[in-house]
Amino acid sequence: MAQEPKRLVQIPKPRTMPRWIHKELRCNFVRASRAGKRAARTEARARFVVYRPREHALRIELTNGVAIVLPVKLIPDLRRAARRDVRAVEILGRGGGLHWESLDVDLSIPGLLSSVLAGPEWLAELGRVGGRISSAAKATAARRNGRRGGRPRIRPRAGPVES
């Protein structure tokens, strides 16, 4: 992988700024630039986003090749928003977030994905879909458990008795 040539950024040096502040600004800028490049390689970033009116959902393509369709009802900040407002979505900066000007809403991509994929609505949907799926292995396990009297009971652990 070829490395980018290093570019020196000139921070203006006003006459009233002490030297230590100038040095600190330059150091912080270099550190922030490195952190930004590292985040661009490791974090989920949006490449493309479009609102799908038929499904009332957002389709987000990430820089790592993943495409996700998120129903708007799973995004708390957009649940009660009008369709025309949701359609006006923009990608922030280098893909780190989504922005809705008319709603004054900004959502980070990592935050959006973690909140939607870890929320109770998503887990309920996974359970609903997973419970519907049947396979030979699942049927065999259910019959075996049925012969044994069903699902085993959870027994409390025996621990030290406090007096």
N, C-alpha and C. Protein backbone atom coordinates (compact mmCIF):
# COMPACT_ATOMS: atom_id res chain seq x y z
N MET A 1 0.84 -1.17 0.00
CA MET A 1 0.00 0.00 0.00
C MET A 1 0.89 1.25 0.00
N ALA A 2 0.70 2.12 -0.95
CA ALA A 2 1.51 3.32 -1.07
C ALA A 2 1.10 4.33 -0.01
N GLN A 3 2.06 5.01 0.55
CA GLN A 3 1.78 6.02 1.55
C GLN A 3 1.64 7.37 0.88
N GLU A 4 0.76 8.17 1.47
CA GLU A 4 0.59 9.52 0.95
C GLU A 4 1.82 10.34 1.30
N PRO A 5 2.19 11.27 0.43
CA PRO A 5 3.28 12.16 0.79
C PRO A 5 2.82 13.05 1.95
N LYS A 6 3.72 13.31 2.88
CA LYS A 6 3.37 14.14 4.03
C LYS A 6 3.23 15.59 3.58
N ARG A 7 2.15 16.19 4.03
CA ARG A 7 1.92 17.58 3.71
C ARG A 7 2.07 18.40 4.99
N LEU A 8 2.80 19.44 4.92
CA LEU A 8 2.93 20.31 6.08
C LEU A 8 1.83 21.34 6.04
N VAL A 9 1.16 21.47 7.15
CA VAL A 9 0.08 22.43 7.25
C VAL A 9 0.62 23.65 7.98
N GLN A 10 0.43 24.77 7.38
CA GLN A 10 0.88 26.01 7.98
C GLN A 10 -0.23 26.57 8.87
N ILE A 11 0.02 26.62 10.14
CA ILE A 11 -0.92 27.25 11.07
C ILE A 11 -0.48 28.70 11.18
N PRO A 12 -1.43 29.62 10.96
CA PRO A 12 -1.04 31.03 11.02
C PRO A 12 -0.42 31.36 12.38
N LYS A 13 0.57 32.19 12.35
CA LYS A 13 1.29 32.53 13.57
C LYS A 13 1.10 34.02 13.85
N PRO A 14 -0.03 34.33 14.50
CA PRO A 14 -0.23 35.75 14.80
C PRO A 14 0.83 36.24 15.79
N ARG A 15 1.09 37.48 15.75
CA ARG A 15 2.14 38.04 16.61
C ARG A 15 1.75 38.01 18.08
N THR A 16 0.44 37.96 18.35
CA THR A 16 0.00 37.97 19.74
C THR A 16 -0.05 36.58 20.35
N MET A 17 0.11 35.54 19.53
CA MET A 17 0.03 34.17 20.04
C MET A 17 1.37 33.74 20.62
N PRO A 18 1.37 33.30 21.87
CA PRO A 18 2.63 32.80 22.44
C PRO A 18 3.12 31.56 21.69
N ARG A 19 4.41 31.36 21.73
CA ARG A 19 5.04 30.26 21.01
C ARG A 19 4.51 28.90 21.47
N TRP A 20 4.27 28.74 22.79
CA TRP A 20 3.82 27.45 23.30
C TRP A 20 2.43 27.09 22.78
N ILE A 21 1.57 28.08 22.56
CA ILE A 21 0.24 27.82 22.00
C ILE A 21 0.37 27.35 20.55
N HIS A 22 1.22 28.02 19.80
CA HIS A 22 1.45 27.63 18.41
C HIS A 22 1.96 26.18 18.34
N LYS A 23 2.91 25.84 19.19
CA LYS A 23 3.46 24.49 19.23
C LYS A 23 2.37 23.47 19.60
N GLU A 24 1.55 23.80 20.57
CA GLU A 24 0.47 22.91 21.01
C GLU A 24 -0.57 22.71 19.91
N LEU A 25 -0.93 23.76 19.20
CA LEU A 25 -1.88 23.65 18.09
C LEU A 25 -1.33 22.73 16.99
N ARG A 26 -0.06 22.90 16.65
CA ARG A 26 0.55 22.07 15.62
C ARG A 26 0.56 20.60 16.05
N CYS A 27 0.91 20.33 17.30
CA CYS A 27 0.95 18.96 17.82
C CYS A 27 -0.46 18.34 17.82
N ASN A 28 -1.45 19.11 18.25
CA ASN A 28 -2.84 18.60 18.27
C ASN A 28 -3.37 18.35 16.87
N PHE A 29 -2.98 19.20 15.92
CA PHE A 29 -3.44 19.01 14.55
C PHE A 29 -2.87 17.71 13.97
N VAL A 30 -1.60 17.46 14.22
CA VAL A 30 -0.98 16.22 13.72
C VAL A 30 -1.65 15.01 14.36
N ARG A 31 -1.88 15.06 15.67
CA ARG A 31 -2.52 13.95 16.37
C ARG A 31 -3.94 13.72 15.85
N ALA A 32 -4.69 14.78 15.63
CA ALA A 32 -6.06 14.66 15.12
C ALA A 32 -6.08 14.11 13.70
N SER A 33 -5.10 14.52 12.88
CA SER A 33 -5.04 14.00 11.51
C SER A 33 -4.78 12.50 11.50
N ARG A 34 -3.86 12.05 12.36
CA ARG A 34 -3.60 10.60 12.46
C ARG A 34 -4.83 9.85 12.93
N ALA A 35 -5.50 10.38 13.93
CA ALA A 35 -6.71 9.72 14.45
C ALA A 35 -7.79 9.67 13.39
N GLY A 36 -7.93 10.72 12.60
CA GLY A 36 -8.92 10.73 11.52
C GLY A 36 -8.62 9.70 10.45
N LYS A 37 -7.36 9.57 10.08
CA LYS A 37 -6.99 8.56 9.08
C LYS A 37 -7.21 7.15 9.61
N ARG A 38 -6.88 6.93 10.89
CA ARG A 38 -7.10 5.61 11.50
C ARG A 38 -8.59 5.29 11.55
N ALA A 39 -9.40 6.26 11.92
CA ALA A 39 -10.85 6.05 11.98
C ALA A 39 -11.42 5.77 10.60
N ALA A 40 -10.90 6.43 9.58
CA ALA A 40 -11.39 6.20 8.21
C ALA A 40 -11.11 4.78 7.76
N ARG A 41 -10.03 4.16 8.25
CA ARG A 41 -9.71 2.78 7.89
C ARG A 41 -10.50 1.77 8.69
N THR A 42 -10.87 2.08 9.93
CA THR A 42 -11.45 1.07 10.81
C THR A 42 -12.95 1.23 11.07
N GLU A 43 -13.48 2.43 11.04
CA GLU A 43 -14.89 2.65 11.36
C GLU A 43 -15.77 2.49 10.13
N ALA A 44 -17.03 2.18 10.40
CA ALA A 44 -18.02 2.14 9.32
C ALA A 44 -18.30 3.57 8.87
N ARG A 45 -18.20 3.81 7.58
CA ARG A 45 -18.45 5.13 7.00
C ARG A 45 -19.46 4.99 5.87
N ALA A 46 -20.30 5.98 5.70
CA ALA A 46 -21.30 5.95 4.63
C ALA A 46 -20.68 6.41 3.32
N ARG A 47 -20.93 5.64 2.27
CA ARG A 47 -20.50 6.01 0.93
C ARG A 47 -21.68 6.59 0.16
N PHE A 48 -22.86 6.02 0.41
CA PHE A 48 -24.06 6.40 -0.34
C PHE A 48 -25.27 6.15 0.56
N VAL A 49 -26.25 7.02 0.52
CA VAL A 49 -27.49 6.82 1.27
C VAL A 49 -28.66 7.30 0.42
N VAL A 50 -29.74 6.55 0.47
CA VAL A 50 -30.95 6.92 -0.27
C VAL A 50 -32.17 6.49 0.54
N TYR A 51 -33.21 7.30 0.46
CA TYR A 51 -34.46 6.96 1.13
C TYR A 51 -35.33 6.16 0.16
N ARG A 52 -35.89 5.04 0.63
CA ARG A 52 -36.78 4.20 -0.17
C ARG A 52 -38.21 4.40 0.33
N PRO A 53 -39.01 5.18 -0.40
CA PRO A 53 -40.36 5.51 0.09
C PRO A 53 -41.29 4.31 0.22
N ARG A 54 -41.23 3.34 -0.67
CA ARG A 54 -42.13 2.19 -0.60
C ARG A 54 -41.94 1.41 0.70
N GLU A 55 -40.68 1.27 1.09
CA GLU A 55 -40.36 0.52 2.30
C GLU A 55 -40.29 1.41 3.53
N HIS A 56 -40.34 2.72 3.33
CA HIS A 56 -40.13 3.73 4.38
C HIS A 56 -38.86 3.38 5.14
N ALA A 57 -37.75 3.28 4.37
CA ALA A 57 -36.47 2.84 4.92
C ALA A 57 -35.32 3.60 4.27
N LEU A 58 -34.18 3.60 4.96
CA LEU A 58 -32.96 4.17 4.43
C LEU A 58 -32.05 3.04 3.97
N ARG A 59 -31.48 3.17 2.79
CA ARG A 59 -30.48 2.21 2.32
C ARG A 59 -29.14 2.90 2.39
N ILE A 60 -28.27 2.35 3.23
CA ILE A 60 -26.96 2.95 3.47
C ILE A 60 -25.89 1.98 2.96
N GLU A 61 -25.06 2.46 2.04
CA GLU A 61 -23.91 1.68 1.58
C GLU A 61 -22.69 2.19 2.31
N LEU A 62 -21.94 1.28 2.92
CA LEU A 62 -20.76 1.65 3.68
C LEU A 62 -19.50 1.48 2.84
N THR A 63 -18.44 2.12 3.29
CA THR A 63 -17.19 2.07 2.55
C THR A 63 -16.56 0.68 2.54
N ASN A 64 -16.96 -0.19 3.47
CA ASN A 64 -16.41 -1.55 3.49
C ASN A 64 -17.20 -2.51 2.62
N GLY A 65 -18.18 -2.01 1.84
CA GLY A 65 -18.94 -2.84 0.92
C GLY A 65 -20.27 -3.32 1.45
N VAL A 66 -20.56 -3.11 2.72
CA VAL A 66 -21.81 -3.55 3.32
C VAL A 66 -22.92 -2.56 2.93
N ALA A 67 -24.09 -3.10 2.61
CA ALA A 67 -25.27 -2.26 2.35
C ALA A 67 -26.34 -2.68 3.34
N ILE A 68 -26.93 -1.71 4.03
CA ILE A 68 -27.92 -1.98 5.06
C ILE A 68 -29.18 -1.20 4.73
N VAL A 69 -30.32 -1.86 4.87
CA VAL A 69 -31.61 -1.18 4.72
C VAL A 69 -32.21 -1.10 6.11
N LEU A 70 -32.38 0.13 6.62
CA LEU A 70 -32.91 0.35 7.96
C LEU A 70 -34.31 0.95 7.87
N PRO A 71 -35.31 0.26 8.42
CA PRO A 71 -36.64 0.87 8.48
C PRO A 71 -36.59 2.12 9.35
N VAL A 72 -37.23 3.17 8.91
CA VAL A 72 -37.21 4.44 9.63
C VAL A 72 -37.84 4.28 11.02
N LYS A 73 -38.77 3.36 11.18
CA LYS A 73 -39.43 3.18 12.48
C LYS A 73 -38.46 2.71 13.56
N LEU A 74 -37.30 2.17 13.17
CA LEU A 74 -36.30 1.73 14.14
C LEU A 74 -35.36 2.84 14.58
N ILE A 75 -35.45 4.01 13.94
CA ILE A 75 -34.57 5.14 14.27
C ILE A 75 -35.39 6.15 15.07
N PRO A 76 -35.19 6.21 16.38
CA PRO A 76 -36.03 7.06 17.24
C PRO A 76 -36.14 8.51 16.78
N ASP A 77 -35.05 9.11 16.32
CA ASP A 77 -35.08 10.53 15.93
C ASP A 77 -35.88 10.78 14.65
N LEU A 78 -36.19 9.73 13.89
CA LEU A 78 -36.89 9.90 12.61
C LEU A 78 -38.30 9.30 12.62
N ARG A 79 -38.69 8.64 13.70
CA ARG A 79 -39.99 7.94 13.73
C ARG A 79 -41.17 8.81 13.33
N ARG A 80 -41.22 10.00 13.87
CA ARG A 80 -42.39 10.86 13.63
C ARG A 80 -42.16 11.90 12.52
N ALA A 81 -41.05 11.78 11.82
CA ALA A 81 -40.72 12.75 10.77
C ALA A 81 -41.53 12.47 9.50
N ALA A 82 -41.83 13.52 8.78
CA ALA A 82 -42.53 13.39 7.50
C ALA A 82 -41.61 12.76 6.47
N ARG A 83 -42.20 12.04 5.52
CA ARG A 83 -41.41 11.35 4.50
C ARG A 83 -40.55 12.32 3.68
N ARG A 84 -41.06 13.49 3.37
CA ARG A 84 -40.28 14.44 2.58
C ARG A 84 -39.06 14.92 3.36
N ASP A 85 -39.16 14.99 4.70
CA ASP A 85 -38.01 15.39 5.51
C ASP A 85 -36.97 14.28 5.59
N VAL A 86 -37.43 13.03 5.71
CA VAL A 86 -36.51 11.89 5.79
C VAL A 86 -35.77 11.73 4.46
N ARG A 87 -36.45 12.01 3.36
CA ARG A 87 -35.85 11.87 2.03
C ARG A 87 -34.67 12.82 1.83
N ALA A 88 -34.65 13.94 2.54
CA ALA A 88 -33.61 14.96 2.35
C ALA A 88 -32.36 14.65 3.18
N VAL A 89 -31.94 13.43 3.21
CA VAL A 89 -30.77 13.02 3.98
C VAL A 89 -29.49 13.36 3.24
N GLU A 90 -28.47 13.78 3.99
CA GLU A 90 -27.15 14.11 3.43
C GLU A 90 -26.09 13.36 4.21
N ILE A 91 -24.98 13.07 3.56
CA ILE A 91 -23.85 12.43 4.23
C ILE A 91 -22.94 13.53 4.77
N LEU A 92 -22.56 13.40 6.03
CA LEU A 92 -21.67 14.38 6.66
C LEU A 92 -20.21 14.07 6.37
N GLY A 93 -19.44 15.10 6.14
CA GLY A 93 -17.99 14.99 6.03
C GLY A 93 -17.52 13.85 5.16
N ARG A 94 -16.72 13.00 5.74
CA ARG A 94 -16.16 11.85 5.01
C ARG A 94 -16.97 10.59 5.23
N GLY A 95 -18.25 10.75 5.53
CA GLY A 95 -19.12 9.59 5.68
C GLY A 95 -19.32 9.15 7.11
N GLY A 96 -18.89 9.94 8.05
CA GLY A 96 -19.00 9.58 9.46
C GLY A 96 -20.39 9.72 10.02
N GLY A 97 -21.29 10.40 9.30
CA GLY A 97 -22.64 10.61 9.83
C GLY A 97 -23.63 10.98 8.75
N LEU A 98 -24.89 11.06 9.17
CA LEU A 98 -25.98 11.48 8.29
C LEU A 98 -26.61 12.74 8.88
N HIS A 99 -27.13 13.60 7.99
CA HIS A 99 -27.67 14.89 8.43
C HIS A 99 -29.00 15.16 7.75
N TRP A 100 -29.96 15.66 8.54
CA TRP A 100 -31.26 16.10 8.03
C TRP A 100 -31.42 17.55 8.43
N GLU A 101 -31.26 18.46 7.47
CA GLU A 101 -31.30 19.89 7.72
C GLU A 101 -32.64 20.34 8.29
N SER A 102 -33.74 19.93 7.65
CA SER A 102 -35.06 20.41 8.08
C SER A 102 -35.46 19.86 9.46
N LEU A 103 -34.89 18.73 9.86
CA LEU A 103 -35.21 18.14 11.16
C LEU A 103 -34.19 18.53 12.23
N ASP A 104 -33.08 19.15 11.79
CA ASP A 104 -31.98 19.49 12.68
C ASP A 104 -31.50 18.24 13.44
N VAL A 105 -31.27 17.15 12.67
CA VAL A 105 -30.84 15.88 13.23
C VAL A 105 -29.54 15.45 12.56
N ASP A 106 -28.58 15.07 13.39
CA ASP A 106 -27.32 14.50 12.93
C ASP A 106 -27.14 13.16 13.64
N LEU A 107 -26.82 12.12 12.89
CA LEU A 107 -26.60 10.80 13.46
C LEU A 107 -25.27 10.26 12.95
N SER A 108 -24.44 9.77 13.87
CA SER A 108 -23.18 9.16 13.44
C SER A 108 -23.50 7.76 12.92
N ILE A 109 -22.75 7.30 11.94
CA ILE A 109 -22.97 5.96 11.38
C ILE A 109 -22.71 4.88 12.43
N PRO A 110 -21.57 4.89 13.14
CA PRO A 110 -21.38 3.86 14.15
C PRO A 110 -22.45 3.89 15.24
N GLY A 111 -22.83 5.09 15.67
CA GLY A 111 -23.86 5.21 16.69
C GLY A 111 -25.21 4.72 16.21
N LEU A 112 -25.55 5.06 14.97
CA LEU A 112 -26.81 4.63 14.39
C LEU A 112 -26.87 3.10 14.29
N LEU A 113 -25.82 2.50 13.78
CA LEU A 113 -25.80 1.05 13.63
C LEU A 113 -25.85 0.35 14.99
N SER A 114 -25.09 0.83 15.96
CA SER A 114 -25.09 0.16 17.25
C SER A 114 -26.42 0.34 17.97
N SER A 115 -27.05 1.50 17.84
CA SER A 115 -28.32 1.70 18.52
C SER A 115 -29.44 0.90 17.88
N VAL A 116 -29.42 0.79 16.57
CA VAL A 116 -30.47 0.04 15.88
C VAL A 116 -30.26 -1.46 16.03
N LEU A 117 -29.02 -1.91 15.90
CA LEU A 117 -28.77 -3.34 15.95
C LEU A 117 -28.76 -3.89 17.36
N ALA A 118 -28.68 -3.05 18.38
CA ALA A 118 -28.68 -3.54 19.76
C ALA A 118 -29.99 -3.24 20.47
N GLY A 119 -30.91 -2.56 19.82
CA GLY A 119 -32.15 -2.16 20.47
C GLY A 119 -33.15 -3.29 20.59
N PRO A 120 -34.14 -3.11 21.44
CA PRO A 120 -35.15 -4.16 21.64
C PRO A 120 -35.96 -4.48 20.39
N GLU A 121 -36.19 -3.48 19.53
CA GLU A 121 -36.95 -3.74 18.31
C GLU A 121 -36.20 -4.71 17.41
N TRP A 122 -34.89 -4.50 17.28
CA TRP A 122 -34.07 -5.35 16.43
C TRP A 122 -34.00 -6.76 17.00
N LEU A 123 -33.80 -6.88 18.31
CA LEU A 123 -33.72 -8.20 18.93
C LEU A 123 -35.05 -8.94 18.80
N ALA A 124 -36.16 -8.21 18.94
CA ALA A 124 -37.46 -8.85 18.77
C ALA A 124 -37.65 -9.34 17.34
N GLU A 125 -37.18 -8.57 16.38
CA GLU A 125 -37.27 -8.97 14.98
C GLU A 125 -36.42 -10.21 14.71
N LEU A 126 -35.22 -10.25 15.28
CA LEU A 126 -34.37 -11.43 15.13
C LEU A 126 -35.04 -12.67 15.72
N GLY A 127 -35.65 -12.53 16.89
CA GLY A 127 -36.35 -13.65 17.52
C GLY A 127 -37.54 -14.10 16.69
N ARG A 128 -38.27 -13.14 16.14
CA ARG A 128 -39.43 -13.49 15.33
C ARG A 128 -39.02 -14.26 14.08
N VAL A 129 -37.99 -13.76 13.40
CA VAL A 129 -37.53 -14.42 12.18
C VAL A 129 -36.87 -15.75 12.51
N GLY A 130 -36.04 -15.78 13.55
CA GLY A 130 -35.37 -17.02 13.94
C GLY A 130 -36.34 -18.08 14.41
N GLY A 131 -37.39 -17.70 15.08
CA GLY A 131 -38.39 -18.67 15.56
C GLY A 131 -39.18 -19.28 14.42
N ARG A 132 -39.27 -18.58 13.30
CA ARG A 132 -40.01 -19.07 12.14
C ARG A 132 -39.23 -20.12 11.36
N ILE A 133 -37.94 -20.02 11.43
CA ILE A 133 -37.10 -20.90 10.62
C ILE A 133 -37.13 -22.30 11.20
N SER A 134 -37.38 -23.28 10.34
CA SER A 134 -37.35 -24.67 10.81
C SER A 134 -36.32 -25.43 9.99
N SER A 135 -35.70 -26.39 10.65
CA SER A 135 -34.72 -27.23 9.98
C SER A 135 -34.83 -28.63 10.56
N ALA A 136 -34.20 -29.56 9.92
CA ALA A 136 -34.22 -30.94 10.42
C ALA A 136 -33.56 -31.01 11.79
N ALA A 137 -32.46 -30.30 11.98
CA ALA A 137 -31.76 -30.32 13.26
C ALA A 137 -32.63 -29.72 14.37
N LYS A 138 -33.35 -28.64 14.06
CA LYS A 138 -34.21 -28.00 15.05
C LYS A 138 -35.36 -28.93 15.43
N ALA A 139 -35.96 -29.60 14.45
CA ALA A 139 -37.06 -30.52 14.72
C ALA A 139 -36.58 -31.71 15.56
N THR A 140 -35.39 -32.24 15.25
CA THR A 140 -34.84 -33.36 16.01
C THR A 140 -34.58 -32.96 17.45
N ALA A 141 -34.00 -31.79 17.67
CA ALA A 141 -33.73 -31.31 19.03
C ALA A 141 -35.02 -31.11 19.80
N ALA A 142 -36.06 -30.58 19.15
CA ALA A 142 -37.36 -30.38 19.83
C ALA A 142 -37.96 -31.72 20.24
N ARG A 143 -37.90 -32.73 19.37
CA ARG A 143 -38.43 -34.06 19.72
C ARG A 143 -37.64 -34.67 20.88
N ARG A 144 -36.32 -34.53 20.86
CA ARG A 144 -35.49 -35.08 21.93
C ARG A 144 -35.82 -34.40 23.26
N ASN A 145 -35.95 -33.08 23.25
CA ASN A 145 -36.32 -32.37 24.48
C ASN A 145 -37.71 -32.76 24.95
N GLY A 146 -38.63 -32.98 24.01
CA GLY A 146 -39.99 -33.39 24.37
C GLY A 146 -40.01 -34.73 25.07
N ARG A 147 -39.20 -35.67 24.62
CA ARG A 147 -39.13 -36.99 25.26
C ARG A 147 -38.58 -36.89 26.68
N ARG A 148 -37.74 -35.93 26.92
CA ARG A 148 -37.13 -35.76 28.25
C ARG A 148 -38.00 -34.90 29.17
N GLY A 149 -39.12 -34.48 28.71
CA GLY A 149 -39.99 -33.65 29.56
C GLY A 149 -39.89 -32.17 29.27
N GLY A 150 -39.33 -31.81 28.13
CA GLY A 150 -39.25 -30.40 27.74
C GLY A 150 -37.92 -29.76 28.09
N ARG A 151 -37.91 -28.47 28.09
CA ARG A 151 -36.69 -27.71 28.35
C ARG A 151 -36.25 -27.93 29.80
N PRO A 152 -34.96 -28.17 30.04
CA PRO A 152 -34.50 -28.41 31.41
C PRO A 152 -34.68 -27.17 32.28
N ARG A 153 -35.00 -27.39 33.55
CA ARG A 153 -35.19 -26.28 34.49
C ARG A 153 -33.84 -25.74 34.92
N ILE A 154 -33.83 -24.46 35.23
CA ILE A 154 -32.62 -23.83 35.73
C ILE A 154 -32.58 -24.06 37.23
N ARG A 155 -31.52 -24.65 37.71
CA ARG A 155 -31.38 -24.93 39.14
C ARG A 155 -30.52 -23.85 39.76
N PRO A 156 -30.93 -23.36 40.93
CA PRO A 156 -30.11 -22.34 41.59
C PRO A 156 -28.81 -22.94 42.07
N ARG A 157 -27.75 -22.14 42.02
CA ARG A 157 -26.44 -22.58 42.48
C ARG A 157 -26.42 -22.64 43.99
N ALA A 158 -25.76 -23.64 44.52
CA ALA A 158 -25.58 -23.73 45.96
C ALA A 158 -24.36 -22.92 46.33
N GLY A 159 -24.55 -21.93 47.15
CA GLY A 159 -23.44 -21.06 47.54
C GLY A 159 -23.30 -21.00 49.03
N PRO A 160 -22.38 -20.22 49.51
CA PRO A 160 -22.19 -20.10 50.96
C PRO A 160 -23.42 -19.45 51.60
N VAL A 161 -23.78 -19.94 52.74
CA VAL A 161 -24.94 -19.42 53.47
C VAL A 161 -24.47 -18.33 54.39
N GLU A 162 -25.13 -17.17 54.28
CA GLU A 162 -24.77 -16.05 55.14
C GLU A 162 -25.60 -16.10 56.39
N SER A 163 -25.01 -15.75 57.51
CA SER A 163 -25.78 -15.77 58.77
C SER A 163 -25.94 -14.40 59.35
